[in-house]
C-alpha atoms as a PDB file:
ATOM      1  CA  MET A   1     -18.591  21.220 -33.816  1.00  0.00           C
ATOM      2  CA  ALA A   2     -17.290  18.925 -36.641  1.00  0.00           C
ATOM      3  CA  ARG A   3     -14.426  21.227 -37.493  1.00  0.00           C
ATOM      4  CA  PRO A   4     -12.814  21.234 -33.976  1.00  0.00           C
ATOM      5  CA  LEU A   5     -13.336  17.490 -33.768  1.00  0.00           C
ATOM      6  CA  TRP A   6     -11.630  16.984 -37.116  1.00  0.00           C
ATOM      7  CA  TRP A   7      -8.798  19.301 -36.087  1.00  0.00           C
ATOM      8  CA  ALA A   8      -8.305  17.387 -32.796  1.00  0.00           C
ATOM      9  CA  THR A   9      -8.339  14.039 -34.611  1.00  0.00           C
ATOM     10  CA  ALA A  10      -5.794  15.251 -37.067  1.00  0.00           C
ATOM     11  CA  PHE A  11      -3.590  16.664 -34.322  1.00  0.00           C
ATOM     12  CA  VAL A  12      -3.649  13.349 -32.361  1.00  0.00           C
ATOM     13  CA  GLN A  13      -2.844  11.353 -35.585  1.00  0.00           C
ATOM     14  CA  ARG A  14       0.099  13.631 -36.377  1.00  0.00           C
ATOM     15  CA  HIS A  15       1.575  13.640 -32.876  1.00  0.00           C
ATOM     16  CA  ARG A  16       0.338  10.338 -31.482  1.00  0.00           C
ATOM     17  CA  THR A  17       3.723   8.930 -30.693  1.00  0.00           C
ATOM     18  CA  ALA A  18       4.782  12.018 -28.775  1.00  0.00           C
ATOM     19  CA  LEU A  19       1.438  12.129 -26.925  1.00  0.00           C
ATOM     20  CA  LEU A  20       1.793   8.438 -26.008  1.00  0.00           C
ATOM     21  CA  VAL A  21       5.315   8.933 -24.634  1.00  0.00           C
ATOM     22  CA  SER A  22       4.301  11.999 -22.624  1.00  0.00           C
ATOM     23  CA  SER A  23       1.215  10.280 -21.285  1.00  0.00           C
ATOM     24  CA  CYS A  24       3.174   7.166 -20.169  1.00  0.00           C
ATOM     25  CA  THR A  25       5.841   9.359 -18.632  1.00  0.00           C
ATOM     26  CA  GLY A  26       3.175  11.417 -16.858  1.00  0.00           C
ATOM     27  CA  LEU A  27       1.411   8.345 -15.494  1.00  0.00           C
ATOM     28  CA  PHE A  28       4.725   6.886 -14.122  1.00  0.00           C
ATOM     29  CA  GLY A  29       5.805  10.253 -12.723  1.00  0.00           C
ATOM     30  CA  ALA A  30       2.455  10.905 -11.023  1.00  0.00           C
ATOM     31  CA  GLN A  31       2.626   7.555  -9.170  1.00  0.00           C
ATOM     32  CA  VAL A  32       6.180   8.008  -7.919  1.00  0.00           C
ATOM     33  CA  SER A  33       6.162  11.768  -7.383  1.00  0.00           C
ATOM     34  CA  TYR A  34       5.579  11.636  -3.606  1.00  0.00           C
ATOM     35  CA  HIS A  35       8.310   9.060  -3.271  1.00  0.00           C
ATOM     36  CA  LEU A  36      10.719  11.505  -4.857  1.00  0.00           C
ATOM     37  CA  ILE A  37       9.860  14.187  -2.300  1.00  0.00           C
ATOM     38  CA  PRO A  38       8.661  12.223   0.771  1.00  0.00           C
ATOM     39  CA  ASP A  39       9.604  14.919   3.216  1.00  0.00           C
ATOM     40  CA  PRO A  40       7.444  16.786   4.057  1.00  0.00           C
ATOM     41  CA  VAL A  41       4.595  15.457   1.719  1.00  0.00           C
ATOM     42  CA  VAL A  42       4.030  12.182   3.743  1.00  0.00           C
ATOM     43  CA  GLN A  43       4.050  14.046   7.058  1.00  0.00           C
ATOM     44  CA  TRP A  44       1.377  16.379   5.902  1.00  0.00           C
ATOM     45  CA  PHE A  45      -1.012  13.467   5.566  1.00  0.00           C
ATOM     46  CA  TYR A  46       0.055  11.145   8.347  1.00  0.00           C
ATOM     47  CA  GLN A  47       1.816  13.131  11.082  1.00  0.00           C
ATOM     48  CA  TYR A  48       0.434  12.594  14.646  1.00  0.00           C
ATOM     49  CA  TRP A  49      -0.266  15.881  16.427  1.00  0.00           C
ATOM     50  CA  PRO A  50      -1.407  15.056  19.960  1.00  0.00           C
ATOM     51  CA  GLN A  51      -1.428  18.562  21.493  1.00  0.00           C
ATOM     52  CA  GLY A  52      -0.971  20.983  18.576  1.00  0.00           C
ATOM     53  CA  GLN A  53       2.682  19.824  18.143  1.00  0.00           C
ATOM     54  CA  PRO A  54       4.093  16.817  16.140  1.00  0.00           C
ATOM     55  CA  ALA A  55       4.803  13.970  18.480  1.00  0.00           C
ATOM     56  CA  PRO A  56       8.537  13.390  18.860  1.00  0.00           C
ATOM     57  CA  VAL A  57      10.157   9.990  18.101  1.00  0.00           C
ATOM     58  CA  SER A  58      11.312   8.670  21.491  1.00  0.00           C
ATOM     59  CA  SER A  59      14.785   7.381  21.994  1.00  0.00           C
ATOM     60  CA  GLU A  60      13.400   3.881  22.416  1.00  0.00           C
ATOM     61  CA  LEU A  61      11.662   3.989  19.007  1.00  0.00           C
ATOM     62  CA  GLN A  62      14.810   5.388  17.435  1.00  0.00           C
ATOM     63  CA  SER A  63      16.861   2.540  18.883  1.00  0.00           C
ATOM     64  CA  LEU A  64      14.208   0.064  17.671  1.00  0.00           C
ATOM     65  CA  PHE A  65      14.332   1.440  14.180  1.00  0.00           C
ATOM     66  CA  GLN A  66      18.200   1.339  14.104  1.00  0.00           C
ATOM     67  CA  GLU A  67      18.038  -2.224  15.278  1.00  0.00           C
ATOM     68  CA  VAL A  68      15.778  -3.085  12.388  1.00  0.00           C
ATOM     69  CA  LEU A  69      18.164  -1.387   9.873  1.00  0.00           C
ATOM     70  CA  GLN A  70      21.067  -3.378  11.270  1.00  0.00           C
ATOM     71  CA  ASP A  71      19.105  -6.686  11.121  1.00  0.00           C
ATOM     72  CA  ILE A  72      18.205  -6.141   7.454  1.00  0.00           C
ATOM     73  CA  GLY A  73      21.755  -4.979   6.576  1.00  0.00           C
ATOM     74  CA  VAL A  74      20.911  -1.483   5.228  1.00  0.00           C
ATOM     75  CA  PRO A  75      24.048   0.325   3.961  1.00  0.00           C
ATOM     76  CA  SER A  76      25.057   3.287   6.133  1.00  0.00           C
ATOM     77  CA  GLY A  77      24.780   5.667   3.166  1.00  0.00           C
ATOM     78  CA  HIS A  78      21.097   5.103   2.663  1.00  0.00           C
ATOM     79  CA  ARG A  79      18.958   8.000   4.119  1.00  0.00           C
ATOM     80  CA  TYR A  80      16.016   7.403   6.479  1.00  0.00           C
ATOM     81  CA  GLN A  81      13.947   9.692   8.570  1.00  0.00           C
ATOM     82  CA  THR A  82      11.213   8.702  11.074  1.00  0.00           C
ATOM     83  CA  PHE A  83       8.175  10.400  12.438  1.00  0.00           C
ATOM     84  CA  ILE A  84       5.113   9.476  14.440  1.00  0.00           C
ATOM     85  CA  THR A  85       1.880   8.651  12.518  1.00  0.00           C
ATOM     86  CA  PHE A  86      -1.687   8.453  13.744  1.00  0.00           C
ATOM     87  CA  THR A  87      -2.347   5.307  11.584  1.00  0.00           C
ATOM     88  CA  PHE A  88      -2.579   1.771  13.127  1.00  0.00           C
ATOM     89  CA  GLN A  89       0.147   0.453  10.817  1.00  0.00           C
ATOM     90  CA  PRO A  90       3.482   2.014   9.658  1.00  0.00           C
ATOM     91  CA  VAL A  91       3.568   4.069   6.495  1.00  0.00           C
ATOM     92  CA  SER A  92       6.543   4.819   4.288  1.00  0.00           C
ATOM     93  CA  ALA A  93       7.652   6.560   1.047  1.00  0.00           C
ATOM     94  CA  GLY A  94      10.819   7.451  -0.755  1.00  0.00           C
ATOM     95  CA  PHE A  95      13.924   5.961  -2.232  1.00  0.00           C
ATOM     96  CA  PRO A  96      16.731   5.604   0.362  1.00  0.00           C
ATOM     97  CA  ARG A  97      19.443   5.670  -2.318  1.00  0.00           C
ATOM     98  CA  LEU A  98      18.421   9.113  -3.526  1.00  0.00           C
ATOM     99  CA  PRO A  99      19.417  12.448  -1.868  1.00  0.00           C
ATOM    100  CA  ALA A 100      15.846  13.055  -0.692  1.00  0.00           C
ATOM    101  CA  GLY A 101      15.882   9.689   1.133  1.00  0.00           C
ATOM    102  CA  ALA A 102      12.926   7.924   2.598  1.00  0.00           C
ATOM    103  CA  VAL A 103      10.608   8.471   5.533  1.00  0.00           C
ATOM    104  CA  VAL A 104       8.972   5.880   7.741  1.00  0.00           C
ATOM    105  CA  GLY A 105       5.958   6.676   9.885  1.00  0.00           C
ATOM    106  CA  ILE A 106       5.862   4.805  13.221  1.00  0.00           C
ATOM    107  CA  PRO A 107       2.379   4.330  14.670  1.00  0.00           C
ATOM    108  CA  ALA A 108       1.655   6.383  17.815  1.00  0.00           C
ATOM    109  CA  SER A 109       0.498   3.084  19.474  1.00  0.00           C
ATOM    110  CA  PHE A 110       4.185   1.973  19.430  1.00  0.00           C
ATOM    111  CA  LEU A 111       4.719   4.672  22.114  1.00  0.00           C
ATOM    112  CA  GLY A 112       2.774   2.443  24.549  1.00  0.00           C
ATOM    113  CA  SER A 113       0.439   3.431  27.322  1.00  0.00           C
ATOM    114  CA  SER A 114       1.289   7.110  26.970  1.00  0.00           C
ATOM    115  CA  VAL A 115      -0.876   7.192  23.883  1.00  0.00           C
ATOM    116  CA  ILE A 116      -3.460   4.454  24.552  1.00  0.00           C
ATOM    117  CA  ASN A 117      -5.278   6.416  27.245  1.00  0.00           C
ATOM    118  CA  THR A 118      -8.808   5.219  28.024  1.00  0.00           C
ATOM    119  CA  GLU A 119      -9.565   8.404  29.928  1.00  0.00           C
ATOM    120  CA  HIS A 120      -9.705  10.472  26.690  1.00  0.00           C
ATOM    121  CA  PRO A 121     -12.539  10.043  24.150  1.00  0.00           C
ATOM    122  CA  VAL A 122     -11.523   8.678  20.805  1.00  0.00           C
ATOM    123  CA  VAL A 123     -13.648   9.010  17.663  1.00  0.00           C
ATOM    124  CA  ILE A 124     -13.311   6.511  14.781  1.00  0.00           C
ATOM    125  CA  HIS A 125     -15.423   6.851  11.690  1.00  0.00           C
ATOM    126  CA  GLY A 126     -17.690   9.230  13.625  1.00  0.00           C
ATOM    127  CA  GLN A 127     -18.218   6.748  16.459  1.00  0.00           C
ATOM    128  CA  THR A 128     -16.854   7.355  20.008  1.00  0.00           C
ATOM    129  CA  VAL A 129     -14.970   4.341  21.266  1.00  0.00           C
ATOM    130  CA  ASP A 130     -16.447   2.719  24.387  1.00  0.00           C
ATOM    131  CA  TRP A 131     -13.264   1.412  26.010  1.00  0.00           C
ATOM    132  CA  GLN A 132     -15.194  -0.478  28.671  1.00  0.00           C
ATOM    133  CA  SER A 133     -17.058  -2.609  26.025  1.00  0.00           C
ATOM    134  CA  PRO A 134     -15.684  -6.016  24.913  1.00  0.00           C
ATOM    135  CA  PRO A 135     -14.774  -4.624  21.438  1.00  0.00           C
ATOM    136  CA  GLY A 136     -13.065  -1.587  23.168  1.00  0.00           C
ATOM    137  CA  THR A 137     -11.011  -3.890  25.335  1.00  0.00           C
ATOM    138  CA  ARG A 138     -10.127  -5.990  22.269  1.00  0.00           C
ATOM    139  CA  LEU A 139      -8.987  -2.922  20.403  1.00  0.00           C
ATOM    140  CA  ILE A 140      -6.687  -1.859  23.241  1.00  0.00           C
ATOM    141  CA  ASN A 141      -5.118  -5.341  23.246  1.00  0.00           C
ATOM    142  CA  ALA A 142      -4.772  -5.310  19.448  1.00  0.00           C
ATOM    143  CA  LEU A 143      -2.797  -2.003  19.618  1.00  0.00           C
ATOM    144  CA  SER A 144      -0.347  -3.477  22.052  1.00  0.00           C
ATOM    145  CA  LEU A 145       2.438  -5.155  20.109  1.00  0.00           C
ATOM    146  CA  SER A 146       5.399  -7.035  21.361  1.00  0.00           C
ATOM    147  CA  HIS A 147       9.019  -6.070  20.529  1.00  0.00           C
ATOM    148  CA  ASP A 148       9.215  -8.650  17.740  1.00  0.00           C
ATOM    149  CA  ALA A 149       5.901  -7.617  16.230  1.00  0.00           C
ATOM    150  CA  GLN A 150       6.944  -4.001  16.092  1.00  0.00           C
ATOM    151  CA  LYS A 151      10.232  -4.955  14.517  1.00  0.00           C
ATOM    152  CA  PHE A 152       8.508  -6.926  11.799  1.00  0.00           C
ATOM    153  CA  ALA A 153       6.055  -4.132  11.018  1.00  0.00           C
ATOM    154  CA  LEU A 154       8.931  -1.586  10.654  1.00  0.00           C
ATOM    155  CA  ALA A 155      11.174  -4.034   8.799  1.00  0.00           C
ATOM    156  CA  ARG A 156       8.533  -4.737   6.270  1.00  0.00           C
ATOM    157  CA  GLU A 157       8.474  -1.035   5.351  1.00  0.00           C
ATOM    158  CA  VAL A 158      12.283  -0.930   5.167  1.00  0.00           C
ATOM    159  CA  VAL A 159      12.260  -3.922   2.822  1.00  0.00           C
ATOM    160  CA  TYR A 160       9.584  -2.196   0.721  1.00  0.00           C
ATOM    161  CA  LEU A 161      11.820   0.911   0.444  1.00  0.00           C
ATOM    162  CA  GLU A 162      15.083  -0.839  -0.107  1.00  0.00           C
ATOM    163  CA  SER A 163      13.663  -2.989  -2.903  1.00  0.00           C
ATOM    164  CA  SER A 164      12.236   0.131  -4.779  1.00  0.00           C
ATOM    165  CA  THR A 165       8.916  -1.698  -4.970  1.00  0.00           C
ATOM    166  CA  ALA A 166       7.209   1.681  -5.444  1.00  0.00           C
ATOM    167  CA  ALA A 167       8.811   2.004  -8.884  1.00  0.00           C
ATOM    168  CA  LEU A 168       7.745  -1.478  -9.898  1.00  0.00           C
ATOM    169  CA  GLN A 169       4.184  -0.778  -8.764  1.00  0.00           C
ATOM    170  CA  ALA A 170       4.038   2.313 -10.983  1.00  0.00           C
ATOM    171  CA  LEU A 171       4.824   0.326 -14.149  1.00  0.00           C
ATOM    172  CA  PRO A 172       1.444  -1.308 -14.966  1.00  0.00           C
ATOM    173  CA  ALA A 173      -0.336   1.950 -15.833  1.00  0.00           C
ATOM    174  CA  PRO A 174       2.101   3.195 -18.479  1.00  0.00           C
ATOM    175  CA  VAL A 175       2.727  -0.337 -19.813  1.00  0.00           C
ATOM    176  CA  CYS A 176      -0.948  -1.069 -20.193  1.00  0.00           C
ATOM    177  CA  LEU A 177      -1.520   2.311 -21.804  1.00  0.00           C
ATOM    178  CA  ALA A 178       1.166   1.737 -24.396  1.00  0.00           C
ATOM    179  CA  GLY A 179       0.032  -1.848 -24.925  1.00  0.00           C
ATOM    180  CA  THR A 180      -3.638  -0.796 -25.394  1.00  0.00           C
ATOM    181  CA  TRP A 181      -2.571   1.877 -27.859  1.00  0.00           C
ATOM    182  CA  ALA A 182      -0.255  -0.391 -29.920  1.00  0.00           C
ATOM    183  CA  LEU A 183      -2.822  -3.294 -30.037  1.00  0.00           C
ATOM    184  CA  SER A 184      -5.732  -0.990 -30.929  1.00  0.00           C
ATOM    185  CA  VAL A 185      -3.781   0.713 -33.760  1.00  0.00           C
ATOM    186  CA  SER A 186      -2.682  -2.676 -35.145  1.00  0.00           C
ATOM    187  CA  ALA A 187      -6.274  -3.985 -34.907  1.00  0.00           C
ATOM    188  CA  LYS A 188      -7.674  -0.932 -36.711  1.00  0.00           C
ATOM    189  CA  HIS A 189      -5.159  -1.281 -39.472  1.00  0.00           C
ATOM    190  CA  ALA A 190      -5.909  -5.055 -39.822  1.00  0.00           C
ATOM    191  CA  LEU A 191      -9.686  -4.497 -39.875  1.00  0.00           C
ATOM    192  CA  GLY A 192      -9.465  -1.527 -42.210  1.00  0.00           C
ATOM    193  CA  LEU A 193     -11.222   0.812 -39.831  1.00  0.00           C
ATOM    194  CA  TYR A 194      -9.109   3.828 -40.755  1.00  0.00           C
ATOM    195  CA  GLY A 195     -10.890   3.948 -44.084  1.00  0.00           C
ATOM    196  CA  GLY A 196     -14.312   3.551 -42.456  1.00  0.00           C
ATOM    197  CA  PRO A 197     -16.628   5.972 -40.688  1.00  0.00           C
ATOM    198  CA  MET A 198     -15.416   7.813 -37.621  1.00  0.00           C
ATOM    199  CA  ASN A 199     -18.226   6.541 -35.470  1.00  0.00           C
ATOM    200  CA  LEU A 200     -17.130   2.973 -35.947  1.00  0.00           C
ATOM    201  CA  ARG A 201     -13.533   3.893 -34.992  1.00  0.00           C
ATOM    202  CA  ALA A 202     -14.789   5.777 -31.929  1.00  0.00           C
ATOM    203  CA  ALA A 203     -16.783   2.679 -30.869  1.00  0.00           C
ATOM    204  CA  PHE A 204     -13.750   0.508 -31.316  1.00  0.00           C
ATOM    205  CA  ASN A 205     -11.602   2.928 -29.287  1.00  0.00           C
ATOM    206  CA  LEU A 206     -14.140   2.758 -26.485  1.00  0.00           C
ATOM    207  CA  VAL A 207     -14.074  -1.010 -26.445  1.00  0.00           C
ATOM    208  CA  ALA A 208     -10.244  -0.937 -26.503  1.00  0.00           C
ATOM    209  CA  ALA A 209     -10.134   1.545 -23.575  1.00  0.00           C
ATOM    210  CA  VAL A 210     -12.390  -0.705 -21.478  1.00  0.00           C
ATOM    211  CA  ALA A 211     -10.264  -3.746 -22.342  1.00  0.00           C
ATOM    212  CA  GLY A 212      -7.133  -1.800 -21.451  1.00  0.00           C
ATOM    213  CA  PHE A 213      -8.599  -0.795 -18.061  1.00  0.00           C
ATOM    214  CA  VAL A 214      -9.514  -4.385 -17.271  1.00  0.00           C
ATOM    215  CA  ALA A 215      -5.987  -5.485 -18.202  1.00  0.00           C
ATOM    216  CA  TYR A 216      -4.529  -2.662 -16.012  1.00  0.00           C
ATOM    217  CA  ALA A 217      -6.753  -3.670 -12.998  1.00  0.00           C
ATOM    218  CA  PHE A 218      -5.811  -7.320 -13.382  1.00  0.00           C
ATOM    219  CA  CYS A 219      -2.081  -6.605 -13.741  1.00  0.00           C
ATOM    220  CA  THR A 220      -1.947  -4.120 -10.884  1.00  0.00           C
ATOM    221  CA  ASP A 221      -3.861  -6.315  -8.407  1.00  0.00           C
ATOM    222  CA  SER A 222      -1.878  -9.435  -9.407  1.00  0.00           C
ATOM    223  CA  LEU A 223       1.425  -7.547  -8.981  1.00  0.00           C
ATOM    224  CA  THR A 224       0.255  -6.155  -5.607  1.00  0.00           C
ATOM    225  CA  PHE A 225      -0.612  -9.633  -4.431  1.00  0.00           C
ATOM    226  CA  ALA A 226       2.751 -11.029  -5.444  1.00  0.00           C
ATOM    227  CA  LEU A 227       4.691  -8.154  -3.981  1.00  0.00           C
ATOM    228  CA  GLU A 228       2.896  -8.103  -0.620  1.00  0.00           C
ATOM    229  CA  GLY A 229       3.490 -11.875  -0.275  1.00  0.00           C
ATOM    230  CA  TRP A 230       7.112 -11.445  -1.207  1.00  0.00           C
ATOM    231  CA  LEU A 231       7.628  -8.570   1.243  1.00  0.00           C
ATOM    232  CA  ASP A 232       6.193 -10.584   4.087  1.00  0.00           C
ATOM    233  CA  ARG A 233       8.358 -13.639   3.270  1.00  0.00           C
ATOM    234  CA  ARG A 234      11.471 -11.564   2.765  1.00  0.00           C
ATOM    235  CA  THR A 235      10.922  -9.775   6.097  1.00  0.00           C
ATOM    236  CA  ALA A 236      10.150 -12.969   7.994  1.00  0.00           C
ATOM    237  CA  SER A 237      13.209 -14.685   6.534  1.00  0.00           C
ATOM    238  CA  VAL A 238      15.499 -12.279   8.544  1.00  0.00           C
ATOM    239  CA  SER A 239      15.187 -14.541  11.573  1.00  0.00           C
ATOM    240  CA  ALA A 240      12.747 -16.766  13.466  1.00  0.00           C
ATOM    241  CA  SER A 241      11.872 -13.896  15.824  1.00  0.00           C
ATOM    242  CA  TYR A 242      10.772 -11.818  12.813  1.00  0.00           C
ATOM    243  CA  THR A 243       8.604 -14.679  11.605  1.00  0.00           C
ATOM    244  CA  GLN A 244       6.984 -14.988  14.985  1.00  0.00           C
ATOM    245  CA  GLY A 245       6.574 -11.218  15.168  1.00  0.00           C
ATOM    246  CA  GLY A 246       4.893 -11.288  11.717  1.00  0.00           C
ATOM    247  CA  VAL A 247       2.419 -13.831  12.899  1.00  0.00           C
ATOM    248  CA  GLU A 248       1.559 -11.830  15.934  1.00  0.00           C
ATOM    249  CA  PHE A 249       1.404  -8.591  13.927  1.00  0.00           C
ATOM    250  CA  TYR A 250      -1.220  -9.914  11.552  1.00  0.00           C
ATOM    251  CA  GLU A 251      -3.141 -11.530  14.403  1.00  0.00           C
ATOM    252  CA  LYS A 252      -3.288  -8.202  16.040  1.00  0.00           C
ATOM    253  CA  VAL A 253      -4.366  -6.481  12.780  1.00  0.00           C
ATOM    254  CA  LEU A 254      -7.211  -8.982  12.377  1.00  0.00           C
ATOM    255  CA  SER A 255      -8.215  -8.613  16.004  1.00  0.00           C
ATOM    256  CA  GLY A 256      -8.244  -4.870  15.751  1.00  0.00           C
ATOM    257  CA  ASN A 257     -10.367  -4.932  12.635  1.00  0.00           C
ATOM    258  CA  LEU A 258     -12.818  -7.261  14.396  1.00  0.00           C
ATOM    259  CA  ALA A 259     -12.896  -4.884  17.327  1.00  0.00           C
ATOM    260  CA  LEU A 260     -13.628  -1.962  14.971  1.00  0.00           C
ATOM    261  CA  ARG A 261     -16.361  -4.080  13.316  1.00  0.00           C
ATOM    262  CA  GLY A 262     -18.066  -4.423  16.636  1.00  0.00           C
ATOM    263  CA  LEU A 263     -17.534  -0.815  17.668  1.00  0.00           C
ATOM    264  CA  LEU A 264     -18.860   0.674  14.482  1.00  0.00           C
ATOM    265  CA  GLY A 265     -21.988  -1.467  14.209  1.00  0.00           C
ATOM    266  CA  ARG A 266     -23.535  -1.632  10.731  1.00  0.00           C
ATOM    267  CA  GLN A 267     -20.826   0.598   9.277  1.00  0.00           C
ATOM    268  CA  GLY A 268     -18.162  -1.774  10.696  1.00  0.00           C
ATOM    269  CA  GLU A 269     -19.872  -4.740   9.027  1.00  0.00           C
ATOM    270  CA  LYS A 270     -19.526  -2.899   5.658  1.00  0.00           C
ATOM    271  CA  LEU A 271     -15.901  -2.247   6.232  1.00  0.00           C
ATOM    272  CA  TYR A 272     -14.677  -5.544   7.710  1.00  0.00           C
ATOM    273  CA  THR A 273     -15.498  -9.194   7.131  1.00  0.00           C
ATOM    274  CA  PRO A 274     -16.331 -11.588  10.056  1.00  0.00           C
ATOM    275  CA  SER A 275     -12.718 -12.903   9.803  1.00  0.00           C
ATOM    276  CA  GLY A 276     -11.169  -9.384  10.108  1.00  0.00           C
ATOM    277  CA  ASN A 277     -10.216  -8.847   6.511  1.00  0.00           C
ATOM    278  CA  ILE A 278     -11.167  -5.535   4.724  1.00  0.00           C
ATOM    279  CA  VAL A 279     -14.224  -5.666   2.571  1.00  0.00           C
ATOM    280  CA  PRO A 280     -13.217  -4.905  -1.067  1.00  0.00           C
ATOM    281  CA  ARG A 281     -14.721  -1.606  -2.261  1.00  0.00           C
ATOM    282  CA  HIS A 282     -15.124  -2.932  -5.843  1.00  0.00           C
ATOM    283  CA  TRP A 283     -16.877  -6.153  -6.686  1.00  0.00           C
ATOM    284  CA  PHE A 284     -14.466  -6.945  -9.488  1.00  0.00           C
ATOM    285  CA  ARG A 285     -11.225  -6.024  -7.770  1.00  0.00           C
ATOM    286  CA  ILE A 286      -9.374  -7.163  -4.624  1.00  0.00           C
ATOM    287  CA  LYS A 287      -6.502  -4.700  -4.304  1.00  0.00           C
ATOM    288  CA  HIS A 288      -4.597  -6.218  -1.473  1.00  0.00           C
ATOM    289  CA  LEU A 289      -3.734  -9.717  -0.206  1.00  0.00           C
ATOM    290  CA  PRO A 290      -6.215 -10.695   2.668  1.00  0.00           C
ATOM    291  CA  TYR A 291      -4.696 -10.412   6.105  1.00  0.00           C
ATOM    292  CA  THR A 292      -5.709 -14.028   6.850  1.00  0.00           C
ATOM    293  CA  THR A 293      -3.704 -15.174   3.854  1.00  0.00           C
ATOM    294  CA  ARG A 294      -0.661 -13.164   4.987  1.00  0.00           C
ATOM    295  CA  ARG A 295      -0.955 -14.507   8.550  1.00  0.00           C
ATOM    296  CA  ASP A 296      -1.318 -18.089   7.424  1.00  0.00           C
ATOM    297  CA  SER A 297       1.651 -17.850   5.130  1.00  0.00           C
ATOM    298  CA  LEU A 298       3.892 -16.585   7.958  1.00  0.00           C
ATOM    299  CA  LEU A 299       2.423 -19.117  10.300  1.00  0.00           C
ATOM    300  CA  GLN A 300       3.426 -21.861   7.932  1.00  0.00           C
ATOM    301  CA  MET A 301       7.014 -20.414   7.805  1.00  0.00           C
ATOM    302  CA  TRP A 302       7.207 -20.348  11.563  1.00  0.00           C
ATOM    303  CA  ARG A 303       6.121 -23.922  11.838  1.00  0.00           C
ATOM    304  CA  VAL A 304       8.766 -24.928   9.334  1.00  0.00           C
ATOM    305  CA  ALA A 305      11.367 -22.921  11.292  1.00  0.00           C
ATOM    306  CA  LEU A 306      10.312 -24.685  14.548  1.00  0.00           C
ATOM    307  CA  ASN A 307      10.230 -28.181  12.943  1.00  0.00           C
ATOM    308  CA  PRO A 308      12.655 -28.072   9.956  1.00  0.00           C
ATOM    309  CA  GLY A 309      12.614 -31.862   9.668  1.00  0.00           C
ATOM    310  CA  HIS A 310       8.863 -31.952   9.104  1.00  0.00           C
ATOM    311  CA  SER A 311       8.709 -29.472   6.285  1.00  0.00           C
END
């Protein structure tokens, strides 16, 4: 047992720089891999299949998406492909500047009444939706978005793809790994641990790994908060109608979450807060900006746009 451990330790010490570079590269590549080949990977997970066939993107939704691209000023050479997703919000992946392009999933609810059919049973988290109940009626209303709200939801995904935010979000993991390694090696040299017992170095490495994970979690969540706020503000700045659409979009998201909270009973209370935000899964991490904060930020922008002299 001691001999293999000694051999592994010697191997790591001899090739630690190469191992660090390959680990950082692997972490970065793993996080952007599905953005490099978004078609058909994203469709496999999110494609809406209503009757054994993928739902086609209607000409109205194609026109809506092209309108969004024109409003944002996307160059004609950038590649985009759309499909219908079963999710309540749009999904996206890819890099429009690359040959593989990017894909944007448009929620099936954007198709209108042809999808939101109260005659067919719908199961969410194992619970059949009672469309006649107050939460069921509220959910139907939350799924019905105006033209401006739909444009904001799609434009936010386009801004996300055009800004290559996915590559920026993949940076904290390799940066924190490299930083943890560099600081731990420097600290062990400074403390003289390389000349001490292996158990002491192992304990120090464990502490360094925990500290590195905490730093990674803090950096990732902070970056996500900043990027989500920036994406909302950048999308809303296109025009006043986009700002108004953003306010409506987040109002509908909160209303839909509250409807699900009522429909799912005790399980819904574990998933959604009384205000409609998503309950964090980890007590020490909040991975996304609360929907109420995002709505209030856009509401403030809308008020300033309506009354520029009172800003």
